N, C-alpha and C. Protein backbone atom coordinates (compact mmCIF):
# COMPACT_ATOMS: atom_id res chain seq x y z
N MET A 1 -81.90 209.04 -12.90
CA MET A 1 -80.62 209.36 -12.29
C MET A 1 -80.42 210.87 -12.33
N ASP A 2 -80.10 211.46 -11.19
CA ASP A 2 -79.86 212.89 -11.11
C ASP A 2 -78.38 213.14 -11.37
N THR A 3 -78.08 213.85 -12.46
CA THR A 3 -76.69 214.14 -12.81
C THR A 3 -76.18 215.37 -12.08
N GLY A 4 -77.08 216.17 -11.50
CA GLY A 4 -76.65 217.38 -10.82
C GLY A 4 -76.31 218.50 -11.78
N PHE A 5 -76.53 218.29 -13.06
CA PHE A 5 -76.17 219.28 -14.07
C PHE A 5 -77.22 220.37 -14.10
N THR A 6 -76.81 221.59 -13.84
CA THR A 6 -77.72 222.73 -13.92
C THR A 6 -77.14 223.74 -14.90
N ASN A 7 -77.96 224.67 -15.30
CA ASN A 7 -77.50 225.66 -16.27
C ASN A 7 -76.71 226.79 -15.62
N LYS A 8 -76.54 226.78 -14.29
CA LYS A 8 -75.81 227.85 -13.61
C LYS A 8 -74.57 227.34 -12.88
N MET A 9 -74.18 226.11 -13.13
CA MET A 9 -73.05 225.50 -12.44
C MET A 9 -71.74 226.16 -12.87
N LYS A 10 -70.92 226.56 -11.87
CA LYS A 10 -69.62 227.16 -12.16
C LYS A 10 -68.48 226.41 -11.48
N LYS A 11 -68.81 225.43 -10.64
CA LYS A 11 -67.77 224.73 -9.88
C LYS A 11 -68.19 223.27 -9.68
N ILE A 12 -67.26 222.37 -10.00
CA ILE A 12 -67.49 220.95 -9.74
C ILE A 12 -66.23 220.37 -9.10
N ARG A 13 -66.40 219.28 -8.37
CA ARG A 13 -65.25 218.61 -7.77
C ARG A 13 -65.29 217.14 -8.11
N HIS A 14 -64.11 216.55 -8.15
CA HIS A 14 -63.98 215.12 -8.43
C HIS A 14 -64.34 214.35 -7.17
N SER A 15 -65.00 213.23 -7.31
CA SER A 15 -65.45 212.47 -6.13
C SER A 15 -64.34 211.64 -5.49
N LYS A 16 -63.24 211.37 -6.23
CA LYS A 16 -62.18 210.52 -5.68
C LYS A 16 -60.82 211.23 -5.62
N LEU A 17 -60.58 212.17 -6.51
CA LEU A 17 -59.31 212.90 -6.53
C LEU A 17 -59.50 214.29 -5.95
N PRO A 18 -58.48 214.88 -5.36
CA PRO A 18 -58.62 216.22 -4.79
C PRO A 18 -58.53 217.30 -5.87
N ILE A 19 -59.51 217.27 -6.78
CA ILE A 19 -59.53 218.22 -7.90
C ILE A 19 -60.85 218.98 -7.88
N VAL A 20 -60.74 220.29 -7.98
CA VAL A 20 -61.92 221.16 -8.10
C VAL A 20 -61.77 221.94 -9.40
N LEU A 21 -62.79 221.95 -10.19
CA LEU A 21 -62.81 222.72 -11.43
C LEU A 21 -63.76 223.89 -11.22
N GLU A 22 -63.19 225.10 -11.26
CA GLU A 22 -63.98 226.31 -11.07
C GLU A 22 -63.83 227.18 -12.30
N CYS A 23 -64.94 227.67 -12.78
CA CYS A 23 -64.93 228.43 -14.04
C CYS A 23 -65.61 229.77 -13.83
N SER A 24 -65.08 230.81 -14.45
CA SER A 24 -65.73 232.12 -14.36
C SER A 24 -66.98 232.15 -15.25
N ASP A 25 -67.01 231.29 -16.27
CA ASP A 25 -68.20 231.13 -17.10
C ASP A 25 -69.02 229.97 -16.56
N ILE A 26 -70.21 229.83 -17.06
CA ILE A 26 -71.07 228.72 -16.65
C ILE A 26 -70.54 227.43 -17.28
N LEU A 27 -70.48 226.38 -16.49
CA LEU A 27 -70.01 225.07 -16.97
C LEU A 27 -71.18 224.33 -17.62
N ASP A 28 -71.49 224.71 -18.83
CA ASP A 28 -72.54 224.02 -19.57
C ASP A 28 -71.93 222.84 -20.32
N TYR A 29 -72.76 222.13 -21.05
CA TYR A 29 -72.29 220.94 -21.75
C TYR A 29 -71.14 221.27 -22.71
N ASP A 30 -71.27 222.37 -23.44
CA ASP A 30 -70.25 222.72 -24.43
C ASP A 30 -68.91 223.03 -23.76
N MET A 31 -68.94 223.74 -22.62
CA MET A 31 -67.69 224.06 -21.91
C MET A 31 -67.05 222.78 -21.37
N LEU A 32 -67.84 221.90 -20.78
CA LEU A 32 -67.31 220.65 -20.25
C LEU A 32 -66.74 219.78 -21.36
N HIS A 33 -67.37 219.78 -22.51
CA HIS A 33 -66.88 219.01 -23.65
C HIS A 33 -65.54 219.58 -24.14
N ALA A 34 -65.43 220.91 -24.18
CA ALA A 34 -64.17 221.54 -24.60
C ALA A 34 -63.05 221.20 -23.62
N ILE A 35 -63.35 221.19 -22.32
CA ILE A 35 -62.36 220.82 -21.31
C ILE A 35 -61.94 219.36 -21.51
N GLN A 36 -62.90 218.50 -21.74
CA GLN A 36 -62.61 217.08 -21.94
C GLN A 36 -61.69 216.88 -23.14
N LEU A 37 -61.98 217.55 -24.23
CA LEU A 37 -61.15 217.41 -25.43
C LEU A 37 -59.73 217.90 -25.19
N ASN A 38 -59.58 218.97 -24.40
CA ASN A 38 -58.25 219.52 -24.12
C ASN A 38 -57.44 218.62 -23.20
N LEU A 39 -58.10 217.79 -22.42
CA LEU A 39 -57.39 216.92 -21.48
C LEU A 39 -57.22 215.49 -21.98
N MET A 40 -57.78 215.20 -23.13
CA MET A 40 -57.72 213.82 -23.63
C MET A 40 -56.29 213.40 -23.93
N TYR A 41 -56.04 212.17 -23.64
CA TYR A 41 -54.73 211.58 -23.85
C TYR A 41 -54.84 210.58 -24.98
N ASP A 42 -53.94 210.63 -25.91
CA ASP A 42 -53.94 209.67 -27.01
C ASP A 42 -52.75 208.73 -26.83
N GLU A 43 -53.03 207.47 -26.54
CA GLU A 43 -51.95 206.52 -26.26
C GLU A 43 -51.07 206.25 -27.48
N LYS A 44 -51.55 206.60 -28.67
CA LYS A 44 -50.75 206.40 -29.89
C LYS A 44 -49.70 207.49 -30.05
N ASP A 45 -49.91 208.63 -29.39
CA ASP A 45 -48.96 209.74 -29.50
C ASP A 45 -47.82 209.57 -28.49
N SER A 46 -46.71 210.20 -28.77
CA SER A 46 -45.58 210.17 -27.85
C SER A 46 -45.88 211.06 -26.65
N ARG A 47 -45.06 210.96 -25.63
CA ARG A 47 -45.24 211.78 -24.44
C ARG A 47 -45.15 213.27 -24.79
N LYS A 48 -44.22 213.60 -25.68
CA LYS A 48 -44.07 215.00 -26.09
C LYS A 48 -45.32 215.51 -26.79
N GLU A 49 -45.89 214.69 -27.66
CA GLU A 49 -47.10 215.10 -28.38
C GLU A 49 -48.29 215.26 -27.44
N ASN A 50 -48.33 214.49 -26.37
CA ASN A 50 -49.44 214.56 -25.42
C ASN A 50 -49.28 215.71 -24.43
N GLN A 51 -48.14 216.36 -24.39
CA GLN A 51 -47.96 217.48 -23.47
C GLN A 51 -48.78 218.69 -23.89
N GLY A 52 -49.24 218.71 -25.11
CA GLY A 52 -49.99 219.85 -25.61
C GLY A 52 -51.21 220.20 -24.79
N CYS A 53 -51.80 219.22 -24.13
CA CYS A 53 -53.01 219.50 -23.36
C CYS A 53 -52.72 220.42 -22.17
N TRP A 54 -51.48 220.50 -21.72
CA TRP A 54 -51.14 221.36 -20.57
C TRP A 54 -50.66 222.74 -21.00
N ASN A 55 -50.43 222.97 -22.29
CA ASN A 55 -49.87 224.23 -22.75
C ASN A 55 -50.76 225.44 -22.49
N ALA A 56 -52.05 225.25 -22.33
CA ALA A 56 -52.97 226.37 -22.16
C ALA A 56 -53.30 226.66 -20.70
N TRP A 57 -52.69 225.94 -19.76
CA TRP A 57 -53.04 226.09 -18.35
C TRP A 57 -52.11 227.07 -17.65
N VAL A 58 -52.69 227.90 -16.79
CA VAL A 58 -51.95 228.88 -15.98
C VAL A 58 -52.29 228.59 -14.52
N ASP A 59 -51.27 228.61 -13.65
CA ASP A 59 -51.53 228.32 -12.23
C ASP A 59 -52.14 229.52 -11.52
N GLU A 60 -52.42 229.36 -10.24
CA GLU A 60 -53.10 230.40 -9.47
C GLU A 60 -52.27 231.68 -9.32
N TYR A 61 -50.97 231.62 -9.63
CA TYR A 61 -50.10 232.79 -9.53
C TYR A 61 -49.86 233.46 -10.89
N GLY A 62 -50.49 232.94 -11.93
CA GLY A 62 -50.34 233.51 -13.26
C GLY A 62 -49.19 232.95 -14.07
N ASN A 63 -48.54 231.89 -13.56
CA ASN A 63 -47.42 231.25 -14.28
C ASN A 63 -47.96 230.13 -15.17
N TRP A 64 -47.33 229.97 -16.33
CA TRP A 64 -47.71 228.87 -17.21
C TRP A 64 -47.44 227.56 -16.49
N PHE A 65 -48.40 226.66 -16.54
CA PHE A 65 -48.31 225.39 -15.83
C PHE A 65 -47.53 224.37 -16.66
N ASN A 66 -46.59 223.70 -16.01
CA ASN A 66 -45.82 222.63 -16.64
C ASN A 66 -45.64 221.52 -15.61
N PRO A 67 -46.34 220.39 -15.76
CA PRO A 67 -46.27 219.33 -14.77
C PRO A 67 -45.03 218.43 -14.89
N TYR A 68 -44.19 218.70 -15.86
CA TYR A 68 -43.06 217.82 -16.11
C TYR A 68 -41.78 218.38 -15.52
N LYS A 69 -40.95 217.49 -15.00
CA LYS A 69 -39.66 217.89 -14.43
C LYS A 69 -38.72 218.33 -15.55
N PRO A 70 -37.87 219.33 -15.28
CA PRO A 70 -36.92 219.75 -16.31
C PRO A 70 -35.90 218.65 -16.60
N ASN A 71 -35.38 218.65 -17.80
CA ASN A 71 -34.38 217.68 -18.21
C ASN A 71 -33.05 218.09 -17.58
N PRO A 72 -32.44 217.26 -16.71
CA PRO A 72 -31.18 217.64 -16.06
C PRO A 72 -30.01 217.75 -17.05
N ASN A 73 -30.14 217.17 -18.23
CA ASN A 73 -29.08 217.23 -19.23
C ASN A 73 -29.20 218.44 -20.15
N GLN A 74 -30.26 219.22 -19.97
CA GLN A 74 -30.47 220.40 -20.82
C GLN A 74 -29.84 221.62 -20.19
N LEU A 75 -29.05 222.33 -20.96
CA LEU A 75 -28.41 223.55 -20.50
C LEU A 75 -29.41 224.70 -20.55
N GLU A 76 -29.60 225.38 -19.43
CA GLU A 76 -30.48 226.53 -19.38
C GLU A 76 -29.67 227.79 -19.68
N LEU A 77 -30.10 228.57 -20.63
CA LEU A 77 -29.37 229.78 -21.00
C LEU A 77 -29.67 230.94 -20.07
N PHE A 78 -30.84 230.94 -19.48
CA PHE A 78 -31.22 232.04 -18.58
C PHE A 78 -31.76 231.45 -17.29
N GLU A 79 -31.42 232.08 -16.17
CA GLU A 79 -31.92 231.64 -14.89
C GLU A 79 -33.33 232.17 -14.70
N GLU A 80 -34.21 231.34 -14.14
CA GLU A 80 -35.54 231.81 -13.82
C GLU A 80 -35.48 232.62 -12.53
N LYS A 81 -36.19 233.71 -12.51
CA LYS A 81 -36.19 234.57 -11.32
C LYS A 81 -37.46 234.37 -10.52
């Protein structure tokens, strides 16, 4: 079975979801394993505890990524600009 894994791979895409993973470093086994560990979900943890996997992600504009909707009952002290 050909896994397509090469030592110079920097970009992979998901075969069913519209997701592309592009890395400035080479995507070797160790890098892919680190990504997998950071994205793992533990069903025993609460939703809040599982949000930690997204804390290290930055979007294409340099903003910290947060996939969760804000709590409408939470008072915001400062307006986002």
